[in-house]
N, C-alpha and C. Protein backbone atom coordinates (compact mmCIF):
# COMPACT_ATOMS: atom_id res chain seq x y z
N MET A 1 13.30 -10.62 -0.23
CA MET A 1 12.93 -9.77 -0.80
C MET A 1 12.19 -9.19 -0.24
N LYS A 2 12.32 -7.52 -0.58
CA LYS A 2 11.78 -6.51 0.71
C LYS A 2 10.89 -6.03 0.19
N ILE A 3 9.96 -5.53 0.72
CA ILE A 3 8.54 -5.09 0.44
C ILE A 3 8.54 -3.39 1.60
N ALA A 4 8.21 -2.57 0.94
CA ALA A 4 8.18 -0.90 1.71
C ALA A 4 7.05 -1.18 1.71
N ILE A 5 6.24 -0.07 2.89
CA ILE A 5 4.62 0.01 2.83
C ILE A 5 5.06 1.69 3.72
N ILE A 6 4.57 2.34 2.51
CA ILE A 6 4.85 3.97 2.67
C ILE A 6 3.63 4.68 2.68
N TYR A 7 3.43 5.53 4.24
CA TYR A 7 2.04 5.73 4.75
C TYR A 7 2.22 7.19 5.10
N HIS A 8 1.66 8.09 4.59
CA HIS A 8 0.91 9.17 5.55
C HIS A 8 -0.65 8.56 6.53
N SER A 9 0.28 9.46 7.79
CA SER A 9 -0.79 9.19 8.77
C SER A 9 -1.30 10.46 9.61
N GLU A 10 -2.47 11.31 9.87
CA GLU A 10 -2.81 12.27 10.68
C GLU A 10 -3.02 11.78 12.04
N SER A 11 -3.58 10.42 11.99
CA SER A 11 -4.62 10.38 13.47
C SER A 11 -4.44 8.98 13.90
N GLU A 12 -3.15 8.41 13.36
CA GLU A 12 -2.51 6.76 13.18
C GLU A 12 -3.74 6.01 12.89
N ASN A 13 -4.70 5.99 11.94
CA ASN A 13 -5.42 5.19 11.76
C ASN A 13 -5.02 4.63 10.23
N THR A 14 -4.20 5.21 10.04
CA THR A 14 -3.34 5.37 8.80
C THR A 14 -2.05 3.88 9.02
N LYS A 15 -1.54 4.74 9.91
CA LYS A 15 -0.03 4.11 10.29
C LYS A 15 -0.71 2.41 11.21
N LYS A 16 -1.80 2.40 11.57
CA LYS A 16 -2.43 1.05 12.13
C LYS A 16 -2.78 -0.29 11.02
N VAL A 17 -3.21 0.63 9.82
CA VAL A 17 -3.86 -0.29 9.19
C VAL A 17 -2.41 -0.46 8.16
N ALA A 18 -1.72 0.45 7.54
CA ALA A 18 -0.17 -0.17 7.50
C ALA A 18 0.31 -0.96 8.15
N GLU A 19 0.51 -1.41 9.85
CA GLU A 19 0.49 -2.57 10.43
C GLU A 19 0.05 -3.64 9.97
N VAL A 20 -1.29 -3.66 9.64
CA VAL A 20 -2.12 -4.83 9.54
C VAL A 20 -1.09 -5.34 8.08
N VAL A 21 -1.09 -4.48 7.28
CA VAL A 21 -1.00 -4.77 5.60
C VAL A 21 0.48 -5.31 6.15
N ALA A 22 1.39 -4.98 6.59
CA ALA A 22 2.79 -5.68 7.26
C ALA A 22 2.73 -7.17 7.51
N GLN A 23 1.52 -7.75 8.45
CA GLN A 23 1.44 -8.36 8.97
C GLN A 23 1.17 -9.71 7.66
N GLY A 24 0.52 -8.99 6.97
CA GLY A 24 -0.20 -10.05 5.95
C GLY A 24 0.91 -10.06 4.53
N ALA A 25 1.63 -9.56 4.52
CA ALA A 25 2.95 -9.35 3.77
C ALA A 25 4.00 -10.32 3.93
N SER A 26 4.38 -9.73 5.64
CA SER A 26 5.11 -10.96 6.60
C SER A 26 4.92 -12.60 6.49
N SER A 27 3.81 -12.80 6.52
CA SER A 27 3.58 -14.11 6.62
C SER A 27 3.93 -15.07 5.53
N VAL A 28 4.30 -14.14 4.14
CA VAL A 28 5.15 -15.37 3.29
C VAL A 28 6.70 -15.00 3.12
N THR A 29 6.93 -16.77 3.27
CA THR A 29 8.31 -16.75 3.36
C THR A 29 8.91 -16.00 2.48
N SER A 30 10.57 -15.97 2.97
CA SER A 30 10.95 -14.98 2.03
C SER A 30 11.37 -13.60 1.89
N VAL A 31 10.32 -12.72 2.94
CA VAL A 31 9.86 -11.64 2.44
C VAL A 31 10.32 -10.75 3.87
N GLU A 32 11.36 -9.24 3.31
CA GLU A 32 11.21 -8.70 4.76
C GLU A 32 10.26 -7.51 4.49
N VAL A 33 9.79 -6.97 5.20
CA VAL A 33 8.89 -5.71 5.05
C VAL A 33 9.02 -4.77 6.03
N LYS A 34 8.89 -3.72 5.72
CA LYS A 34 9.06 -2.37 6.76
C LYS A 34 8.28 -1.58 6.50
N THR A 35 7.47 -0.91 7.39
CA THR A 35 6.95 0.05 7.28
C THR A 35 7.41 1.50 7.62
N MET A 36 6.56 2.69 6.91
CA MET A 36 7.66 3.59 7.46
C MET A 36 6.41 5.08 6.63
N SER A 37 6.83 5.94 7.57
CA SER A 37 5.85 7.05 7.28
C SER A 37 6.64 7.69 6.27
N ILE A 38 5.57 8.93 5.33
CA ILE A 38 6.65 9.56 4.37
C ILE A 38 7.40 10.45 5.19
N GLU A 39 6.92 11.08 6.70
CA GLU A 39 7.91 11.98 7.55
C GLU A 39 9.34 11.42 8.07
N ASP A 40 9.32 9.71 8.33
CA ASP A 40 10.12 9.00 8.65
C ASP A 40 10.49 8.05 7.52
N PHE A 41 11.38 8.33 6.18
CA PHE A 41 10.96 7.75 5.33
C PHE A 41 12.78 7.09 5.32
N ASP A 42 12.98 5.56 5.06
CA ASP A 42 13.89 5.10 4.56
C ASP A 42 13.98 5.00 3.24
N MET A 43 14.90 5.99 2.79
CA MET A 43 15.35 5.92 1.16
C MET A 43 15.78 4.78 1.09
N ALA A 44 16.65 4.15 1.81
CA ALA A 44 17.78 3.24 1.22
C ALA A 44 16.96 1.79 0.96
N PHE A 45 16.19 1.76 2.10
CA PHE A 45 15.32 0.22 2.08
C PHE A 45 14.33 0.17 0.92
N ALA A 46 13.08 1.39 0.67
CA ALA A 46 12.69 1.57 -0.63
C ALA A 46 13.12 1.78 -1.57
N ALA A 47 13.95 2.14 -1.97
CA ALA A 47 15.31 2.28 -3.14
C ALA A 47 15.74 0.33 -3.51
N GLU A 48 15.63 -0.38 -2.51
CA GLU A 48 15.92 -1.67 -2.69
C GLU A 48 14.50 -2.81 -2.95
N ALA A 49 13.29 -1.77 -2.46
CA ALA A 49 12.31 -2.86 -2.17
C ALA A 49 11.77 -2.96 -4.01
N LYS A 50 11.25 -4.23 -3.75
CA LYS A 50 10.38 -4.90 -4.85
C LYS A 50 9.44 -4.93 -5.21
N ALA A 51 8.60 -4.08 -4.34
CA ALA A 51 7.56 -3.67 -4.20
C ALA A 51 7.31 -2.85 -2.86
N ILE A 52 6.06 -1.91 -3.25
CA ILE A 52 5.93 -0.82 -2.34
C ILE A 52 4.34 -0.39 -2.63
N ILE A 53 3.71 -0.65 -1.01
CA ILE A 53 2.52 -0.50 -0.82
C ILE A 53 2.24 1.05 -0.33
N PHE A 54 1.46 1.41 -0.96
CA PHE A 54 1.14 3.13 -0.47
C PHE A 54 -0.46 3.11 0.25
N GLY A 55 -0.52 3.86 1.17
CA GLY A 55 -1.31 4.11 1.72
C GLY A 55 -1.80 5.57 2.33
N CYS A 56 -2.98 6.21 2.83
CA CYS A 56 -3.30 7.53 3.07
C CYS A 56 -4.33 7.55 3.31
N PRO A 57 -4.99 8.49 4.43
CA PRO A 57 -6.01 9.32 4.60
C PRO A 57 -6.88 9.61 3.23
N THR A 58 -8.18 9.59 3.26
CA THR A 58 -8.92 9.96 2.50
C THR A 58 -9.23 11.51 3.45
N TYR A 59 -9.03 12.60 2.40
CA TYR A 59 -9.58 13.84 2.70
C TYR A 59 -10.37 14.66 1.42
N CYS A 60 -11.36 15.15 1.83
CA CYS A 60 -12.20 15.84 0.87
C CYS A 60 -12.31 14.78 -0.55
N GLY A 61 -12.73 13.67 -0.17
CA GLY A 61 -13.11 12.84 -1.04
C GLY A 61 -11.64 12.11 -1.90
N THR A 62 -10.52 12.23 -1.52
CA THR A 62 -9.16 12.25 -2.45
C THR A 62 -8.20 11.80 -1.56
N PHE A 63 -7.33 11.80 -1.92
CA PHE A 63 -5.90 11.45 -1.30
C PHE A 63 -5.30 12.62 -0.73
N SER A 64 -4.54 12.15 0.65
CA SER A 64 -4.29 13.66 1.06
C SER A 64 -3.35 14.19 0.41
N TRP A 65 -2.32 15.75 0.90
CA TRP A 65 -2.06 16.31 -0.09
C TRP A 65 -0.71 16.00 0.21
N GLN A 66 -0.61 15.35 1.24
CA GLN A 66 1.22 15.15 1.89
C GLN A 66 1.53 13.92 1.12
N ILE A 67 0.39 12.90 0.41
CA ILE A 67 1.08 11.74 0.00
C ILE A 67 1.77 12.31 -1.61
N LYS A 68 0.49 13.28 -2.07
CA LYS A 68 0.70 13.71 -3.60
C LYS A 68 2.07 14.31 -3.72
N LYS A 69 2.52 14.86 -2.55
CA LYS A 69 3.64 15.91 -2.45
C LYS A 69 5.02 14.55 -2.16
N TRP A 70 4.42 13.65 -1.38
CA TRP A 70 5.65 12.64 -1.53
C TRP A 70 5.97 11.94 -3.30
N PHE A 71 4.78 11.85 -3.57
CA PHE A 71 5.07 10.95 -4.73
C PHE A 71 5.69 12.20 -5.74
N ASP A 72 5.26 13.32 -6.32
CA ASP A 72 5.89 14.63 -6.58
C ASP A 72 7.52 14.69 -6.26
N THR A 73 8.03 14.50 -5.62
CA THR A 73 8.98 15.46 -5.03
C THR A 73 9.94 14.23 -4.70
N THR A 74 9.77 12.50 -4.49
CA THR A 74 10.58 11.40 -4.18
C THR A 74 11.55 11.65 -4.92
N LYS A 75 12.98 11.25 -4.81
CA LYS A 75 13.93 10.81 -5.09
C LYS A 75 14.03 9.32 -5.78
N VAL A 76 13.26 8.19 -4.64
CA VAL A 76 13.34 7.04 -5.26
C VAL A 76 12.99 6.84 -6.87
N ASN A 77 13.94 6.23 -7.29
CA ASN A 77 13.17 5.12 -8.42
C ASN A 77 12.25 4.10 -8.50
N LEU A 78 11.15 4.87 -9.32
CA LEU A 78 9.89 3.40 -8.65
C LEU A 78 9.80 2.51 -9.82
N GLU A 79 10.90 2.97 -10.96
CA GLU A 79 10.21 2.19 -12.27
C GLU A 79 10.82 0.54 -12.64
N GLY A 80 9.36 -0.32 -12.35
CA GLY A 80 9.35 -1.82 -12.30
C GLY A 80 9.38 -1.98 -11.04
N LYS A 81 8.97 -1.05 -9.94
CA LYS A 81 8.80 -1.74 -8.76
C LYS A 81 7.35 -2.32 -8.75
N LEU A 82 6.56 -2.98 -8.18
CA LEU A 82 5.41 -3.29 -7.83
C LEU A 82 4.78 -2.48 -7.23
N GLY A 83 3.52 -2.20 -7.23
CA GLY A 83 2.75 -1.05 -6.47
C GLY A 83 1.31 -1.47 -6.21
N ALA A 84 1.31 -1.24 -5.35
CA ALA A 84 -0.09 -1.33 -4.25
C ALA A 84 -0.44 -0.43 -3.25
N ALA A 85 -2.01 -0.54 -3.08
CA ALA A 85 -2.85 0.56 -2.49
C ALA A 85 -3.72 0.80 -1.56
N PHE A 86 -3.60 1.47 -0.17
CA PHE A 86 -4.89 1.34 0.71
C PHE A 86 -5.06 2.18 1.16
N ALA A 87 -6.18 2.77 1.76
CA ALA A 87 -7.04 4.06 2.42
C ALA A 87 -7.20 3.75 3.57
N THR A 88 -7.33 4.42 4.13
CA THR A 88 -8.77 5.22 5.43
C THR A 88 -9.73 6.03 5.03
N GLU A 89 -10.31 5.94 5.98
CA GLU A 89 -11.34 6.89 5.81
C GLU A 89 -12.56 7.13 7.01
N ASN A 90 -12.80 8.21 7.05
CA ASN A 90 -14.02 8.24 8.44
C ASN A 90 -14.97 7.49 8.63
N TYR A 91 -15.62 7.32 7.27
CA TYR A 91 -16.88 6.87 7.13
C TYR A 91 -17.15 6.51 6.11
N LEU A 92 -17.90 5.60 5.93
CA LEU A 92 -18.61 4.57 4.63
C LEU A 92 -18.96 5.96 3.37
N GLY A 93 -17.92 5.40 1.89
CA GLY A 93 -18.20 6.88 1.16
C GLY A 93 -17.33 8.10 1.32
N GLY A 94 -16.72 7.83 1.91
CA GLY A 94 -15.62 9.37 2.28
C GLY A 94 -15.25 9.26 0.80
N GLY A 95 -14.65 8.51 0.32
CA GLY A 95 -13.99 8.67 -1.28
C GLY A 95 -12.71 8.02 -1.29
N ALA A 96 -12.90 6.86 -0.29
CA ALA A 96 -11.58 6.02 -0.27
C ALA A 96 -10.98 5.14 -1.89
N ASP A 97 -11.90 5.26 -2.55
CA ASP A 97 -11.79 4.50 -4.18
C ASP A 97 -11.09 5.75 -4.95
N VAL A 98 -11.41 6.45 -4.93
CA VAL A 98 -10.88 8.01 -5.43
C VAL A 98 -9.54 7.86 -5.49
N ALA A 99 -9.47 7.50 -4.02
CA ALA A 99 -8.18 8.13 -3.30
C ALA A 99 -7.18 6.99 -3.64
N GLU A 100 -7.40 5.81 -3.69
CA GLU A 100 -6.74 4.50 -4.05
C GLU A 100 -6.44 4.98 -5.31
N LEU A 101 -7.47 5.50 -6.22
CA LEU A 101 -6.69 5.44 -7.68
C LEU A 101 -6.18 6.96 -8.31
N GLY A 102 -6.12 7.83 -7.30
CA GLY A 102 -5.30 8.94 -6.88
C GLY A 102 -3.50 8.31 -7.43
N MET A 103 -3.18 7.11 -6.26
CA MET A 103 -2.52 6.84 -5.51
C MET A 103 -1.65 5.88 -6.87
N ILE A 104 -2.65 5.37 -7.40
CA ILE A 104 -2.41 4.30 -8.46
C ILE A 104 -2.05 5.52 -10.02
N GLY A 105 -2.81 6.00 -10.16
CA GLY A 105 -1.94 7.10 -11.10
C GLY A 105 -0.49 7.48 -11.01
N HIS A 106 -0.29 7.97 -9.83
CA HIS A 106 1.23 8.32 -9.54
C HIS A 106 1.90 7.10 -9.58
N MET A 107 1.38 6.17 -8.87
CA MET A 107 2.45 4.53 -9.19
C MET A 107 2.57 4.68 -11.07
N LEU A 108 1.46 4.71 -11.64
CA LEU A 108 1.63 4.74 -13.18
C LEU A 108 2.53 5.51 -13.74
N VAL A 109 2.73 6.96 -13.43
CA VAL A 109 3.39 7.68 -14.06
C VAL A 109 5.13 7.33 -13.68
N ARG A 110 5.01 6.90 -12.59
CA ARG A 110 6.78 6.66 -11.99
C ARG A 110 6.92 4.96 -12.56
N GLY A 111 5.98 4.50 -13.79
CA GLY A 111 6.62 2.81 -14.25
C GLY A 111 6.29 1.95 -13.26
N MET A 112 5.69 2.46 -12.28
CA MET A 112 5.45 0.87 -11.36
C MET A 112 4.58 0.04 -12.28
N LEU A 113 4.57 -1.39 -11.80
CA LEU A 113 3.74 -2.31 -12.08
C LEU A 113 2.33 -2.37 -10.68
N VAL A 114 1.54 -1.82 -11.29
CA VAL A 114 0.49 -2.14 -10.37
C VAL A 114 -0.98 -3.08 -10.28
N TYR A 115 -0.87 -3.41 -8.72
CA TYR A 115 -1.25 -5.07 -8.62
C TYR A 115 -2.08 -4.88 -7.11
N SER A 116 -3.58 -5.17 -7.23
CA SER A 116 -4.64 -5.66 -5.91
C SER A 116 -5.03 -7.21 -5.73
N ALA A 117 -5.04 -7.69 -6.84
CA ALA A 117 -5.67 -9.20 -7.41
C ALA A 117 -6.69 -8.77 -7.49
N GLY A 118 -7.43 -7.60 -6.97
CA GLY A 118 -8.87 -7.26 -7.42
C GLY A 118 -10.11 -8.83 -7.40
N ALA A 119 -10.51 -9.04 -7.89
CA ALA A 119 -11.37 -10.12 -7.76
C ALA A 119 -10.78 -11.29 -8.53
N GLY A 120 -9.50 -11.14 -8.73
CA GLY A 120 -8.86 -12.91 -9.86
C GLY A 120 -8.73 -13.60 -8.64
N LYS A 121 -8.43 -13.46 -7.38
CA LYS A 121 -8.32 -14.17 -6.21
C LYS A 121 -9.48 -14.95 -5.53
N GLY A 122 -10.43 -14.20 -5.83
CA GLY A 122 -11.72 -14.51 -5.19
C GLY A 122 -12.17 -13.44 -4.12
N ALA A 123 -12.86 -13.95 -3.42
CA ALA A 123 -13.37 -13.22 -2.15
C ALA A 123 -12.59 -13.89 -0.87
N PRO A 124 -11.94 -12.47 -0.14
CA PRO A 124 -12.80 -11.17 -0.31
C PRO A 124 -11.84 -10.32 -1.47
N PHE A 125 -12.96 -9.53 -2.30
CA PHE A 125 -12.03 -8.92 -3.18
C PHE A 125 -11.15 -7.95 -2.71
N THR A 126 -10.27 -7.34 -3.43
CA THR A 126 -9.73 -6.16 -2.67
C THR A 126 -9.55 -5.06 -4.10
N HIS A 127 -10.22 -5.08 -5.14
CA HIS A 127 -10.63 -4.16 -5.88
C HIS A 127 -9.31 -3.01 -6.65
N TYR A 128 -9.33 -1.79 -5.91
CA TYR A 128 -7.99 -1.05 -6.08
C TYR A 128 -7.09 -1.18 -5.16
N GLY A 129 -7.61 -1.59 -4.30
CA GLY A 129 -6.25 -2.20 -2.50
C GLY A 129 -7.72 -1.90 -1.24
N ALA A 130 -6.77 -1.96 -0.85
CA ALA A 130 -8.11 -2.29 0.73
C ALA A 130 -8.41 -0.92 1.22
N VAL A 131 -9.29 -0.95 1.85
CA VAL A 131 -10.10 0.12 2.22
C VAL A 131 -10.57 -0.40 3.94
N THR A 132 -10.54 0.90 4.56
CA THR A 132 -10.99 0.40 6.08
C THR A 132 -11.54 1.93 6.65
N ILE A 133 -12.48 1.81 7.44
CA ILE A 133 -13.17 3.16 8.01
C ILE A 133 -12.51 3.43 9.54
N LYS A 134 -11.80 4.58 9.74
CA LYS A 134 -10.22 4.37 10.58
C LYS A 134 -9.82 3.36 10.60
N GLU A 135 -9.32 2.61 11.46
CA GLU A 135 -8.75 1.85 11.17
C GLU A 135 -8.89 0.22 11.22
N GLY A 136 -10.27 0.44 11.06
CA GLY A 136 -10.74 -1.11 10.61
C GLY A 136 -11.41 -2.15 11.10
N ALA A 137 -13.07 -2.20 11.29
CA ALA A 137 -13.42 -3.51 12.18
C ALA A 137 -12.51 -4.52 11.64
N ASP A 138 -13.03 -5.59 12.31
CA ASP A 138 -11.60 -7.22 12.15
C ASP A 138 -12.11 -7.53 10.55
N TRP A 139 -13.33 -7.47 10.09
CA TRP A 139 -13.14 -7.95 8.57
C TRP A 139 -12.42 -6.80 7.58
N GLU A 140 -12.26 -5.77 7.93
CA GLU A 140 -11.74 -4.68 7.25
C GLU A 140 -10.26 -4.93 7.34
N GLN A 141 -10.10 -5.11 8.91
CA GLN A 141 -8.23 -5.65 8.89
C GLN A 141 -7.87 -6.48 8.11
N GLU A 142 -9.18 -7.20 8.05
CA GLU A 142 -8.51 -8.94 7.36
C GLU A 142 -8.14 -8.85 5.90
N ARG A 143 -8.73 -7.67 5.34
CA ARG A 143 -8.66 -7.84 3.96
C ARG A 143 -7.31 -6.49 3.77
N ALA A 144 -7.22 -6.21 4.23
CA ALA A 144 -5.89 -5.54 4.66
C ALA A 144 -4.65 -6.36 4.80
N LYS A 145 -5.03 -7.14 5.43
CA LYS A 145 -3.78 -8.38 5.39
C LYS A 145 -4.19 -9.18 4.45
N ILE A 146 -5.19 -9.40 3.77
CA ILE A 146 -4.66 -10.34 2.54
C ILE A 146 -3.89 -9.50 1.73
N LEU A 147 -4.49 -8.23 1.52
CA LEU A 147 -4.00 -7.50 0.35
C LEU A 147 -2.28 -7.38 0.36
N GLY A 148 -2.04 -7.26 2.03
CA GLY A 148 -0.65 -7.71 2.32
C GLY A 148 0.21 -8.98 1.64
N LYS A 149 -0.48 -9.72 1.91
CA LYS A 149 -0.41 -11.21 1.66
C LYS A 149 -0.42 -11.22 -0.19
N ARG A 150 -1.47 -11.22 -0.61
CA ARG A 150 -1.05 -11.06 -2.24
C ARG A 150 -0.23 -10.38 -2.69
N ILE A 151 0.52 -8.95 -2.23
CA ILE A 151 1.11 -8.43 -2.72
C ILE A 151 2.42 -8.90 -2.78
N ALA A 152 2.83 -9.50 -1.87
CA ALA A 152 4.06 -10.70 -1.63
C ALA A 152 4.07 -11.73 -2.15
N GLU A 153 3.12 -12.16 -2.50
CA GLU A 153 3.27 -13.44 -3.05
C GLU A 153 3.55 -13.02 -4.41
N LYS A 154 2.48 -12.13 -5.12
CA LYS A 154 2.91 -11.88 -6.40
C LYS A 154 4.56 -10.81 -6.73
N SER A 155 5.07 -10.25 -5.74
CA SER A 155 6.45 -10.12 -5.77
C SER A 155 7.63 -11.20 -5.53
N LEU A 156 7.06 -12.52 -5.08
CA LEU A 156 8.02 -13.19 -5.31
C LEU A 156 7.41 -14.25 -6.67
N GLU A 157 6.23 -14.01 -6.72
CA GLU A 157 6.14 -14.40 -8.29
C GLU A 157 6.80 -13.80 -9.45
N LEU A 158 6.61 -13.09 -9.60
CA LEU A 158 7.16 -11.63 -10.60
C LEU A 158 9.04 -11.63 -10.62
N PHE A 159 9.25 -11.87 -9.60
CA PHE A 159 10.95 -11.23 -8.79
C PHE A 159 12.13 -12.22 -8.18
N GLY A 160 10.99 -13.12 -8.10
CA GLY A 160 12.02 -14.59 -7.59
C GLY A 160 12.52 -14.20 -6.33
N HIS A 161 12.51 -15.56 -5.25
CA HIS A 161 12.89 -15.42 -4.54
C HIS A 161 14.53 -14.29 -3.83
N LYS A 162 14.91 -14.50 -4.59
CA LYS A 162 17.01 -14.07 -4.44
C LYS A 162 16.44 -12.37 -4.49
N GLU A 163 17.45 -11.42 -3.60
CA GLU A 163 17.49 -10.05 -3.31
C GLU A 163 18.04 -10.17 -5.30
């Protein structure tokens, strides 16, 4: 089963967190994960993916305009795919929750099934998705890794082990 991690990153922080999320997803058997920036996008892989995890930096208390433009203009059919989000910010209270909710809104409009595990899987809680300050301290990166793993597990639960 394929899982795509699509991100926008200016300073490489979000890219680094995307790679951490991918580590978590890759730890689940039968999952193939690919990270890709919106600038170097593999449309074929994304179209085949059963789940897509989106990530972006927080700008002015919300998600980046670049990821919004991607959602507004993408030709990939997202309907029925499992969706999740993560965000990076420069400091605590930088608006990452609003950024994640913005991406989640776009996922819902595109017909995606949105999941984060929230508090349902116990600590650490992933609420709307993973959040890190810049590339994240060890505990923040661990939460990002857990998000990736939980999304991969839920993908297998929903879509089975076959392509």
